[in-house]
Each structure stands twice: as C-alpha cells, then as structure tokens.
Amino acid sequence: MDVFETFRFLLALALTPLVIVIGRKIEMKRAYLPFLVGYVAIVVSFAASAPRGWPDGSQLLRFVGHASFVVGGLGMAWAALVVRQYALESNGTDK
C-alpha cells in the first residue's frame, strides 16, 4: 500500500468505534444493519487496495475491492432509504 492508502485504511479502522456508536443511535432498527454492513464493506475495500506481498495488478484484489465498495454503497443507500421512509411516515407524507 502506498502512504495514502495506508492512512485511509488506518483512519477507517480508528473511526470504527465512533461509527458504531453513531450507528446504534439510529432509532430505526431496520436501518442499523444496512448501515453497519455498508461501513464494514467500505473498510474491507480500503484493506483490499493492494496490500504488501501481492502484485500490484492482482485482479482478485481489484475485484474484491470494487465489489466490497459497491456493497458498501448499497448498504448505505438502503439505510438512507429506510430513514427517509421513516421520516416521511412520521410527517404523514407517503411520497
């Protein structure tokens, strides 16, 4: 990993306890699991960005990194949709 990738991965690991506490504060229990899955998948994608000992052009790591980033984005989007639906229901709007 280069310096930027290492910093990004270590920062994501350092922020994990804070993110988990924030995630638990989400009142909608249906949104907590997709939020947590999304965050973990994004951390995995950072970890898969060419670790030492693997060739730089490893197609398997590139696939794992991209796939886990997609899963992370989908998890965060799902959590956001659940929170949005909850907000619309609490306002009495169903659009």
PDB file of N, CA and C in Angstrom:
ATOM      1  N   MET A   1       0.844  -1.172   0.000  1.00  0.00           N
ATOM      2  CA  MET A   1       0.000   0.000   0.000  1.00  0.00           C
ATOM      3  C   MET A   1       0.893   1.239   0.000  1.00  0.00           C
ATOM      4  N   ASP A   2       0.443   2.257  -0.682  1.00  0.00           N
ATOM      5  CA  ASP A   2       1.192   3.497  -0.581  1.00  0.00           C
ATOM      6  C   ASP A   2       0.744   4.240   0.682  1.00  0.00           C
ATOM      7  N   VAL A   3       1.335   5.380   0.937  1.00  0.00           N
ATOM      8  CA  VAL A   3       1.077   6.102   2.180  1.00  0.00           C
ATOM      9  C   VAL A   3      -0.382   6.534   2.281  1.00  0.00           C
ATOM     10  N   PHE A   4      -0.951   7.022   1.188  1.00  0.00           N
ATOM     11  CA  PHE A   4      -2.342   7.486   1.227  1.00  0.00           C
ATOM     12  C   PHE A   4      -3.305   6.336   1.513  1.00  0.00           C
ATOM     13  N   GLU A   5      -3.102   5.191   0.870  1.00  0.00           N
ATOM     14  CA  GLU A   5      -3.978   4.047   1.088  1.00  0.00           C
ATOM     15  C   GLU A   5      -3.856   3.522   2.513  1.00  0.00           C
ATOM     16  N   THR A   6      -2.643   3.518   3.045  1.00  0.00           N
ATOM     17  CA  THR A   6      -2.435   3.086   4.428  1.00  0.00           C
ATOM     18  C   THR A   6      -3.134   4.030   5.392  1.00  0.00           C
ATOM     19  N   PHE A   7      -2.990   5.335   5.162  1.00  0.00           N
ATOM     20  CA  PHE A   7      -3.639   6.320   6.029  1.00  0.00           C
ATOM     21  C   PHE A   7      -5.151   6.169   5.970  1.00  0.00           C
ATOM     22  N   ARG A   8      -5.699   5.988   4.789  1.00  0.00           N
ATOM     23  CA  ARG A   8      -7.146   5.850   4.616  1.00  0.00           C
ATOM     24  C   ARG A   8      -7.659   4.621   5.368  1.00  0.00           C
ATOM     25  N   PHE A   9      -6.937   3.516   5.262  1.00  0.00           N
ATOM     26  CA  PHE A   9      -7.332   2.289   5.949  1.00  0.00           C
ATOM     27  C   PHE A   9      -7.235   2.449   7.465  1.00  0.00           C
ATOM     28  N   LEU A  10      -6.136   3.011   7.956  1.00  0.00           N
ATOM     29  CA  LEU A  10      -5.966   3.197   9.395  1.00  0.00           C
ATOM     30  C   LEU A  10      -6.981   4.189   9.960  1.00  0.00           C
ATOM     31  N   LEU A  11      -7.297   5.228   9.199  1.00  0.00           N
ATOM     32  CA  LEU A  11      -8.311   6.179   9.651  1.00  0.00           C
ATOM     33  C   LEU A  11      -9.676   5.511   9.743  1.00  0.00           C
ATOM     34  N   ALA A  12     -10.006   4.673   8.764  1.00  0.00           N
ATOM     35  CA  ALA A  12     -11.281   3.962   8.811  1.00  0.00           C
ATOM     36  C   ALA A  12     -11.341   3.035  10.018  1.00  0.00           C
ATOM     37  N   LEU A  13     -10.235   2.362  10.313  1.00  0.00           N
ATOM     38  CA  LEU A  13     -10.207   1.491  11.497  1.00  0.00           C
ATOM     39  C   LEU A  13     -10.306   2.302  12.783  1.00  0.00           C
ATOM     40  N   ALA A  14      -9.641   3.459  12.833  1.00  0.00           N
ATOM     41  CA  ALA A  14      -9.671   4.282  14.039  1.00  0.00           C
ATOM     42  C   ALA A  14     -11.055   4.868  14.286  1.00  0.00           C
ATOM     43  N   LEU A  15     -11.788   5.139  13.221  1.00  0.00           N
ATOM     44  CA  LEU A  15     -13.120   5.723  13.365  1.00  0.00           C
ATOM     45  C   LEU A  15     -14.215   4.686  13.577  1.00  0.00           C
ATOM     46  N   THR A  16     -13.871   3.411  13.515  1.00  0.00           N
ATOM     47  CA  THR A  16     -14.873   2.353  13.638  1.00  0.00           C
ATOM     48  C   THR A  16     -15.663   2.429  14.948  1.00  0.00           C
ATOM     49  N   PRO A  17     -15.046   2.606  16.116  1.00  0.00           N
ATOM     50  CA  PRO A  17     -15.862   2.701  17.339  1.00  0.00           C
ATOM     51  C   PRO A  17     -16.836   3.874  17.304  1.00  0.00           C
ATOM     52  N   LEU A  18     -16.404   5.003  16.792  1.00  0.00           N
ATOM     53  CA  LEU A  18     -17.280   6.160  16.693  1.00  0.00           C
ATOM     54  C   LEU A  18     -18.444   5.898  15.747  1.00  0.00           C
ATOM     55  N   VAL A  19     -18.159   5.275  14.618  1.00  0.00           N
ATOM     56  CA  VAL A  19     -19.210   4.978  13.649  1.00  0.00           C
ATOM     57  C   VAL A  19     -20.210   3.978  14.231  1.00  0.00           C
ATOM     58  N   ILE A  20     -19.737   3.008  14.972  1.00  0.00           N
ATOM     59  CA  ILE A  20     -20.646   2.033  15.584  1.00  0.00           C
ATOM     60  C   ILE A  20     -21.540   2.712  16.627  1.00  0.00           C
ATOM     61  N   VAL A  21     -20.985   3.627  17.412  1.00  0.00           N
ATOM     62  CA  VAL A  21     -21.800   4.360  18.388  1.00  0.00           C
ATOM     63  C   VAL A  21     -22.847   5.206  17.673  1.00  0.00           C
ATOM     64  N   ILE A  22     -22.442   5.886  16.605  1.00  0.00           N
ATOM     65  CA  ILE A  22     -23.401   6.685  15.837  1.00  0.00           C
ATOM     66  C   ILE A  22     -24.467   5.779  15.228  1.00  0.00           C
ATOM     67  N   GLY A  23     -24.043   4.641  14.707  1.00  0.00           N
ATOM     68  CA  GLY A  23     -24.998   3.711  14.115  1.00  0.00           C
ATOM     69  C   GLY A  23     -26.012   3.192  15.117  1.00  0.00           C
ATOM     70  N   ARG A  24     -25.590   2.976  16.342  1.00  0.00           N
ATOM     71  CA  ARG A  24     -26.525   2.495  17.371  1.00  0.00           C
ATOM     72  C   ARG A  24     -27.511   3.566  17.795  1.00  0.00           C
ATOM     73  N   LYS A  25     -27.172   4.820  17.552  1.00  0.00           N
ATOM     74  CA  LYS A  25     -28.089   5.911  17.883  1.00  0.00           C
ATOM     75  C   LYS A  25     -29.216   6.029  16.867  1.00  0.00           C
ATOM     76  N   ILE A  26     -29.096   5.327  15.742  1.00  0.00           N
ATOM     77  CA  ILE A  26     -30.162   5.341  14.758  1.00  0.00           C
ATOM     78  C   ILE A  26     -31.371   4.655  15.381  1.00  0.00           C
ATOM     79  N   GLU A  27     -32.479   5.358  15.428  1.00  0.00           N
ATOM     80  CA  GLU A  27     -33.673   4.841  16.101  1.00  0.00           C
ATOM     81  C   GLU A  27     -34.333   3.701  15.330  1.00  0.00           C
ATOM     82  N   MET A  28     -34.183   3.698  14.022  1.00  0.00           N
ATOM     83  CA  MET A  28     -34.812   2.660  13.213  1.00  0.00           C
ATOM     84  C   MET A  28     -33.906   1.434  13.187  1.00  0.00           C
ATOM     85  N   LYS A  29     -34.344   0.368  13.795  1.00  0.00           N
ATOM     86  CA  LYS A  29     -33.529  -0.847  13.859  1.00  0.00           C
ATOM     87  C   LYS A  29     -33.325  -1.463  12.485  1.00  0.00           C
ATOM     88  N   ARG A  30     -34.258  -1.205  11.555  1.00  0.00           N
ATOM     89  CA  ARG A  30     -34.099  -1.735  10.196  1.00  0.00           C
ATOM     90  C   ARG A  30     -32.976  -1.032   9.452  1.00  0.00           C
ATOM     91  N   ALA A  31     -32.570   0.147   9.907  1.00  0.00           N
ATOM     92  CA  ALA A  31     -31.522   0.893   9.229  1.00  0.00           C
ATOM     93  C   ALA A  31     -30.138   0.589   9.800  1.00  0.00           C
ATOM     94  N   TYR A  32     -30.070   0.045  11.006  1.00  0.00           N
ATOM     95  CA  TYR A  32     -28.772  -0.178  11.650  1.00  0.00           C
ATOM     96  C   TYR A  32     -27.949  -1.242  10.928  1.00  0.00           C
ATOM     97  N   LEU A  33     -28.565  -2.363  10.582  1.00  0.00           N
ATOM     98  CA  LEU A  33     -27.824  -3.444   9.928  1.00  0.00           C
ATOM     99  C   LEU A  33     -27.289  -3.037   8.546  1.00  0.00           C
ATOM    100  N   PRO A  34     -28.097  -2.433   7.668  1.00  0.00           N
ATOM    101  CA  PRO A  34     -27.523  -1.995   6.388  1.00  0.00           C
ATOM    102  C   PRO A  34     -26.428  -0.951   6.558  1.00  0.00           C
ATOM    103  N   PHE A  35     -26.574  -0.081   7.563  1.00  0.00           N
ATOM    104  CA  PHE A  35     -25.549   0.919   7.840  1.00  0.00           C
ATOM    105  C   PHE A  35     -24.242   0.255   8.248  1.00  0.00           C
ATOM    106  N   LEU A  36     -24.339  -0.711   9.141  1.00  0.00           N
ATOM    107  CA  LEU A  36     -23.143  -1.412   9.620  1.00  0.00           C
ATOM    108  C   LEU A  36     -22.499  -2.237   8.509  1.00  0.00           C
ATOM    109  N   VAL A  37     -23.310  -2.940   7.722  1.00  0.00           N
ATOM    110  CA  VAL A  37     -22.781  -3.726   6.598  1.00  0.00           C
ATOM    111  C   VAL A  37     -22.096  -2.808   5.593  1.00  0.00           C
ATOM    112  N   GLY A  38     -22.696  -1.662   5.318  1.00  0.00           N
ATOM    113  CA  GLY A  38     -22.099  -0.708   4.392  1.00  0.00           C
ATOM    114  C   GLY A  38     -20.754  -0.203   4.878  1.00  0.00           C
ATOM    115  N   TYR A  39     -20.661   0.123   6.158  1.00  0.00           N
ATOM    116  CA  TYR A  39     -19.398   0.620   6.688  1.00  0.00           C
ATOM    117  C   TYR A  39     -18.315  -0.455   6.668  1.00  0.00           C
ATOM    118  N   VAL A  40     -18.661  -1.656   7.085  1.00  0.00           N
ATOM    119  CA  VAL A  40     -17.677  -2.743   7.098  1.00  0.00           C
ATOM    120  C   VAL A  40     -17.201  -3.050   5.679  1.00  0.00           C
ATOM    121  N   ALA A  41     -18.107  -3.026   4.717  1.00  0.00           N
ATOM    122  CA  ALA A  41     -17.725  -3.294   3.331  1.00  0.00           C
ATOM    123  C   ALA A  41     -16.790  -2.216   2.798  1.00  0.00           C
ATOM    124  N   ILE A  42     -17.009  -0.975   3.191  1.00  0.00           N
ATOM    125  CA  ILE A  42     -16.114   0.095   2.744  1.00  0.00           C
ATOM    126  C   ILE A  42     -14.737  -0.070   3.376  1.00  0.00           C
ATOM    127  N   VAL A  43     -14.666  -0.459   4.639  1.00  0.00           N
ATOM    128  CA  VAL A  43     -13.366  -0.708   5.280  1.00  0.00           C
ATOM    129  C   VAL A  43     -12.655  -1.870   4.592  1.00  0.00           C
ATOM    130  N   VAL A  44     -13.390  -2.910   4.230  1.00  0.00           N
ATOM    131  CA  VAL A  44     -12.793  -4.043   3.507  1.00  0.00           C
ATOM    132  C   VAL A  44     -12.264  -3.592   2.152  1.00  0.00           C
ATOM    133  N   SER A  45     -12.979  -2.701   1.494  1.00  0.00           N
ATOM    134  CA  SER A  45     -12.495  -2.218   0.199  1.00  0.00           C
ATOM    135  C   SER A  45     -11.208  -1.418   0.360  1.00  0.00           C
ATOM    136  N   PHE A  46     -11.078  -0.676   1.455  1.00  0.00           N
ATOM    137  CA  PHE A  46      -9.825   0.032   1.717  1.00  0.00           C
ATOM    138  C   PHE A  46      -8.699  -0.963   1.990  1.00  0.00           C
ATOM    139  N   ALA A  47      -9.011  -2.036   2.717  1.00  0.00           N
ATOM    140  CA  ALA A  47      -7.997  -3.041   3.039  1.00  0.00           C
ATOM    141  C   ALA A  47      -7.548  -3.805   1.802  1.00  0.00           C
ATOM    142  N   ALA A  48      -8.431  -3.941   0.825  1.00  0.00           N
ATOM    143  CA  ALA A  48      -8.108  -4.713  -0.376  1.00  0.00           C
ATOM    144  C   ALA A  48      -7.322  -3.901  -1.402  1.00  0.00           C
ATOM    145  N   SER A  49      -6.996  -2.673  -1.085  1.00  0.00           N
ATOM    146  CA  SER A  49      -6.282  -1.850  -2.064  1.00  0.00           C
ATOM    147  C   SER A  49      -4.782  -2.145  -2.016  1.00  0.00           C
ATOM    148  N   ALA A  50      -4.420  -3.248  -2.655  1.00  0.00           N
ATOM    149  CA  ALA A  50      -3.027  -3.667  -2.877  1.00  0.00           C
ATOM    150  C   ALA A  50      -2.197  -3.760  -1.602  1.00  0.00           C
ATOM    151  N   PRO A  51      -2.481  -4.731  -0.726  1.00  0.00           N
ATOM    152  CA  PRO A  51      -1.623  -4.912   0.448  1.00  0.00           C
ATOM    153  C   PRO A  51      -0.249  -5.445   0.052  1.00  0.00           C
ATOM    154  N   ARG A  52       0.687  -5.303   0.941  1.00  0.00           N
ATOM    155  CA  ARG A  52       2.061  -5.751   0.664  1.00  0.00           C
ATOM    156  C   ARG A  52       2.098  -7.261   0.440  1.00  0.00           C
ATOM    157  N   GLY A  53       2.958  -7.684  -0.457  1.00  0.00           N
ATOM    158  CA  GLY A  53       3.116  -9.103  -0.745  1.00  0.00           C
ATOM    159  C   GLY A  53       2.297  -9.565  -1.929  1.00  0.00           C
ATOM    160  N   TRP A  54       1.346  -8.773  -2.358  1.00  0.00           N
ATOM    161  CA  TRP A  54       0.541  -9.105  -3.530  1.00  0.00           C
ATOM    162  C   TRP A  54       1.034  -8.266  -4.695  1.00  0.00           C
ATOM    163  N   PRO A  55       0.976  -8.816  -5.881  1.00  0.00           N
ATOM    164  CA  PRO A  55       1.355  -7.999  -7.028  1.00  0.00           C
ATOM    165  C   PRO A  55       0.393  -6.813  -7.186  1.00  0.00           C
ATOM    166  N   ASP A  56       0.916  -5.699  -7.680  1.00  0.00           N
ATOM    167  CA  ASP A  56       0.089  -4.500  -7.807  1.00  0.00           C
ATOM    168  C   ASP A  56      -1.099  -4.706  -8.739  1.00  0.00           C
ATOM    169  N   GLY A  57      -0.948  -5.538  -9.727  1.00  0.00           N
ATOM    170  CA  GLY A  57      -2.021  -5.725 -10.688  1.00  0.00           C
ATOM    171  C   GLY A  57      -2.900  -6.922 -10.403  1.00  0.00           C
ATOM    172  N   SER A  58      -2.981  -7.348  -9.162  1.00  0.00           N
ATOM    173  CA  SER A  58      -3.775  -8.522  -8.818  1.00  0.00           C
ATOM    174  C   SER A  58      -5.249  -8.276  -9.134  1.00  0.00           C
ATOM    175  N   GLN A  59      -5.766  -9.061 -10.055  1.00  0.00           N
ATOM    176  CA  GLN A  59      -7.160  -8.904 -10.471  1.00  0.00           C
ATOM    177  C   GLN A  59      -8.128  -9.326  -9.366  1.00  0.00           C
ATOM    178  N   LEU A  60      -7.744 -10.300  -8.568  1.00  0.00           N
ATOM    179  CA  LEU A  60      -8.618 -10.747  -7.483  1.00  0.00           C
ATOM    180  C   LEU A  60      -8.821  -9.637  -6.452  1.00  0.00           C
ATOM    181  N   LEU A  61      -7.735  -8.977  -6.064  1.00  0.00           N
ATOM    182  CA  LEU A  61      -7.855  -7.890  -5.094  1.00  0.00           C
ATOM    183  C   LEU A  61      -8.627  -6.715  -5.657  1.00  0.00           C
ATOM    184  N   ARG A  62      -8.420  -6.423  -6.925  1.00  0.00           N
ATOM    185  CA  ARG A  62      -9.172  -5.331  -7.552  1.00  0.00           C
ATOM    186  C   ARG A  62     -10.660  -5.654  -7.541  1.00  0.00           C
ATOM    187  N   PHE A  63     -11.000  -6.896  -7.864  1.00  0.00           N
ATOM    188  CA  PHE A  63     -12.403  -7.297  -7.861  1.00  0.00           C
ATOM    189  C   PHE A  63     -12.996  -7.214  -6.458  1.00  0.00           C
ATOM    190  N   VAL A  64     -12.272  -7.736  -5.467  1.00  0.00           N
ATOM    191  CA  VAL A  64     -12.760  -7.694  -4.082  1.00  0.00           C
ATOM    192  C   VAL A  64     -12.929  -6.246  -3.623  1.00  0.00           C
ATOM    193  N   GLY A  65     -11.964  -5.407  -3.954  1.00  0.00           N
ATOM    194  CA  GLY A  65     -12.056  -4.000  -3.569  1.00  0.00           C
ATOM    195  C   GLY A  65     -13.250  -3.297  -4.190  1.00  0.00           C
ATOM    196  N   HIS A  66     -13.433  -3.492  -5.489  1.00  0.00           N
ATOM    197  CA  HIS A  66     -14.552  -2.850  -6.166  1.00  0.00           C
ATOM    198  C   HIS A  66     -15.898  -3.432  -5.711  1.00  0.00           C
ATOM    199  N   ALA A  67     -15.967  -4.742  -5.580  1.00  0.00           N
ATOM    200  CA  ALA A  67     -17.230  -5.373  -5.168  1.00  0.00           C
ATOM    201  C   ALA A  67     -17.620  -4.956  -3.757  1.00  0.00           C
ATOM    202  N   SER A  68     -16.657  -4.908  -2.854  1.00  0.00           N
ATOM    203  CA  SER A  68     -16.992  -4.520  -1.489  1.00  0.00           C
ATOM    204  C   SER A  68     -17.359  -3.038  -1.405  1.00  0.00           C
ATOM    205  N   PHE A  69     -16.769  -2.201  -2.255  1.00  0.00           N
ATOM    206  CA  PHE A  69     -17.150  -0.797  -2.265  1.00  0.00           C
ATOM    207  C   PHE A  69     -18.580  -0.636  -2.778  1.00  0.00           C
ATOM    208  N   VAL A  70     -18.962  -1.440  -3.771  1.00  0.00           N
ATOM    209  CA  VAL A  70     -20.338  -1.416  -4.277  1.00  0.00           C
ATOM    210  C   VAL A  70     -21.306  -1.881  -3.192  1.00  0.00           C
ATOM    211  N   VAL A  71     -20.964  -2.955  -2.493  1.00  0.00           N
ATOM    212  CA  VAL A  71     -21.814  -3.446  -1.401  1.00  0.00           C
ATOM    213  C   VAL A  71     -21.936  -2.379  -0.311  1.00  0.00           C
ATOM    214  N   GLY A  72     -20.830  -1.708  -0.008  1.00  0.00           N
ATOM    215  CA  GLY A  72     -20.869  -0.636   0.990  1.00  0.00           C
ATOM    216  C   GLY A  72     -21.783   0.498   0.585  1.00  0.00           C
ATOM    217  N   GLY A  73     -21.697   0.901  -0.669  1.00  0.00           N
ATOM    218  CA  GLY A  73     -22.576   1.961  -1.156  1.00  0.00           C
ATOM    219  C   GLY A  73     -24.037   1.562  -1.130  1.00  0.00           C
ATOM    220  N   LEU A  74     -24.313   0.326  -1.524  1.00  0.00           N
ATOM    221  CA  LEU A  74     -25.693  -0.155  -1.497  1.00  0.00           C
ATOM    222  C   LEU A  74     -26.226  -0.245  -0.065  1.00  0.00           C
ATOM    223  N   GLY A  75     -25.381  -0.678   0.864  1.00  0.00           N
ATOM    224  CA  GLY A  75     -25.800  -0.741   2.263  1.00  0.00           C
ATOM    225  C   GLY A  75     -26.125   0.636   2.827  1.00  0.00           C
ATOM    226  N   MET A  76     -25.279   1.618   2.524  1.00  0.00           N
ATOM    227  CA  MET A  76     -25.541   2.978   2.989  1.00  0.00           C
ATOM    228  C   MET A  76     -26.799   3.551   2.334  1.00  0.00           C
ATOM    229  N   ALA A  77     -26.984   3.260   1.049  1.00  0.00           N
ATOM    230  CA  ALA A  77     -28.179   3.752   0.354  1.00  0.00           C
ATOM    231  C   ALA A  77     -29.443   3.114   0.933  1.00  0.00           C
ATOM    232  N   TRP A  78     -29.379   1.829   1.234  1.00  0.00           N
ATOM    233  CA  TRP A  78     -30.525   1.135   1.827  1.00  0.00           C
ATOM    234  C   TRP A  78     -30.875   1.757   3.185  1.00  0.00           C
ATOM    235  N   ALA A  79     -29.850   1.999   4.002  1.00  0.00           N
ATOM    236  CA  ALA A  79     -30.088   2.615   5.305  1.00  0.00           C
ATOM    237  C   ALA A  79     -30.699   4.004   5.143  1.00  0.00           C
ATOM    238  N   ALA A  80     -30.221   4.762   4.172  1.00  0.00           N
ATOM    239  CA  ALA A  80     -30.772   6.095   3.934  1.00  0.00           C
ATOM    240  C   ALA A  80     -32.230   6.020   3.484  1.00  0.00           C
ATOM    241  N   LEU A  81     -32.553   5.036   2.648  1.00  0.00           N
ATOM    242  CA  LEU A  81     -33.949   4.881   2.212  1.00  0.00           C
ATOM    243  C   LEU A  81     -34.865   4.505   3.375  1.00  0.00           C
ATOM    244  N   VAL A  82     -34.382   3.664   4.273  1.00  0.00           N
ATOM    245  CA  VAL A  82     -35.192   3.290   5.442  1.00  0.00           C
ATOM    246  C   VAL A  82     -35.433   4.514   6.322  1.00  0.00           C
ATOM    247  N   VAL A  83     -34.396   5.315   6.540  1.00  0.00           N
ATOM    248  CA  VAL A  83     -34.542   6.517   7.357  1.00  0.00           C
ATOM    249  C   VAL A  83     -35.486   7.509   6.671  1.00  0.00           C
ATOM    250  N   ARG A  84     -35.367   7.637   5.347  1.00  0.00           N
ATOM    251  CA  ARG A  84     -36.258   8.535   4.604  1.00  0.00           C
ATOM    252  C   ARG A  84     -37.705   8.081   4.724  1.00  0.00           C
ATOM    253  N   GLN A  85     -37.938   6.790   4.576  1.00  0.00           N
ATOM    254  CA  GLN A  85     -39.302   6.261   4.691  1.00  0.00           C
ATOM    255  C   GLN A  85     -39.863   6.526   6.081  1.00  0.00           C
ATOM    256  N   TYR A  86     -39.041   6.361   7.098  1.00  0.00           N
ATOM    257  CA  TYR A  86     -39.473   6.635   8.461  1.00  0.00           C
ATOM    258  C   TYR A  86     -39.834   8.109   8.630  1.00  0.00           C
ATOM    259  N   ALA A  87     -39.000   8.995   8.060  1.00  0.00           N
ATOM    260  CA  ALA A  87     -39.259  10.435   8.167  1.00  0.00           C
ATOM    261  C   ALA A  87     -40.544  10.814   7.442  1.00  0.00           C
ATOM    262  N   LEU A  88     -40.777  10.226   6.274  1.00  0.00           N
ATOM    263  CA  LEU A  88     -41.997  10.528   5.539  1.00  0.00           C
ATOM    264  C   LEU A  88     -43.236  10.019   6.272  1.00  0.00           C
ATOM    265  N   GLU A  89     -43.135   8.854   6.878  1.00  0.00           N
ATOM    266  CA  GLU A  89     -44.264   8.316   7.624  1.00  0.00           C
ATOM    267  C   GLU A  89     -44.569   9.145   8.866  1.00  0.00           C
ATOM    268  N   SER A  90     -43.524   9.667   9.500  1.00  0.00           N
ATOM    269  CA  SER A  90     -43.749  10.453  10.707  1.00  0.00           C
ATOM    270  C   SER A  90     -44.355  11.818  10.383  1.00  0.00           C
ATOM    271  N   ASN A  91     -44.114  12.320   9.154  1.00  0.00           N
ATOM    272  CA  ASN A  91     -44.704  13.592   8.726  1.00  0.00           C
ATOM    273  C   ASN A  91     -46.090  13.419   8.120  1.00  0.00           C
ATOM    274  N   GLY A  92     -46.490  12.192   7.873  1.00  0.00           N
ATOM    275  CA  GLY A  92     -47.780  11.944   7.277  1.00  0.00           C
ATOM    276  C   GLY A  92     -47.759  12.026   5.754  1.00  0.00           C
ATOM    277  N   THR A  93     -46.573  12.039   5.160  1.00  0.00           N
ATOM    278  CA  THR A  93     -46.426  12.099   3.704  1.00  0.00           C
ATOM    279  C   THR A  93     -46.006  10.725   3.224  1.00  0.00           C
ATOM    280  N   ASP A  94     -46.595  10.252   2.142  1.00  0.00           N
ATOM    281  CA  ASP A  94     -46.260   8.928   1.626  1.00  0.00           C
ATOM    282  C   ASP A  94     -45.633   8.977   0.247  1.00  0.00           C
ATOM    283  N   LYS A  95     -45.013  10.050  -0.125  1.00  0.00           N
ATOM    284  CA  LYS A  95     -44.417  10.142  -1.475  1.00  0.00           C
ATOM    285  C   LYS A  95     -43.027   9.611  -1.483  1.00  0.00           C
TER     286      LYS A  95
END
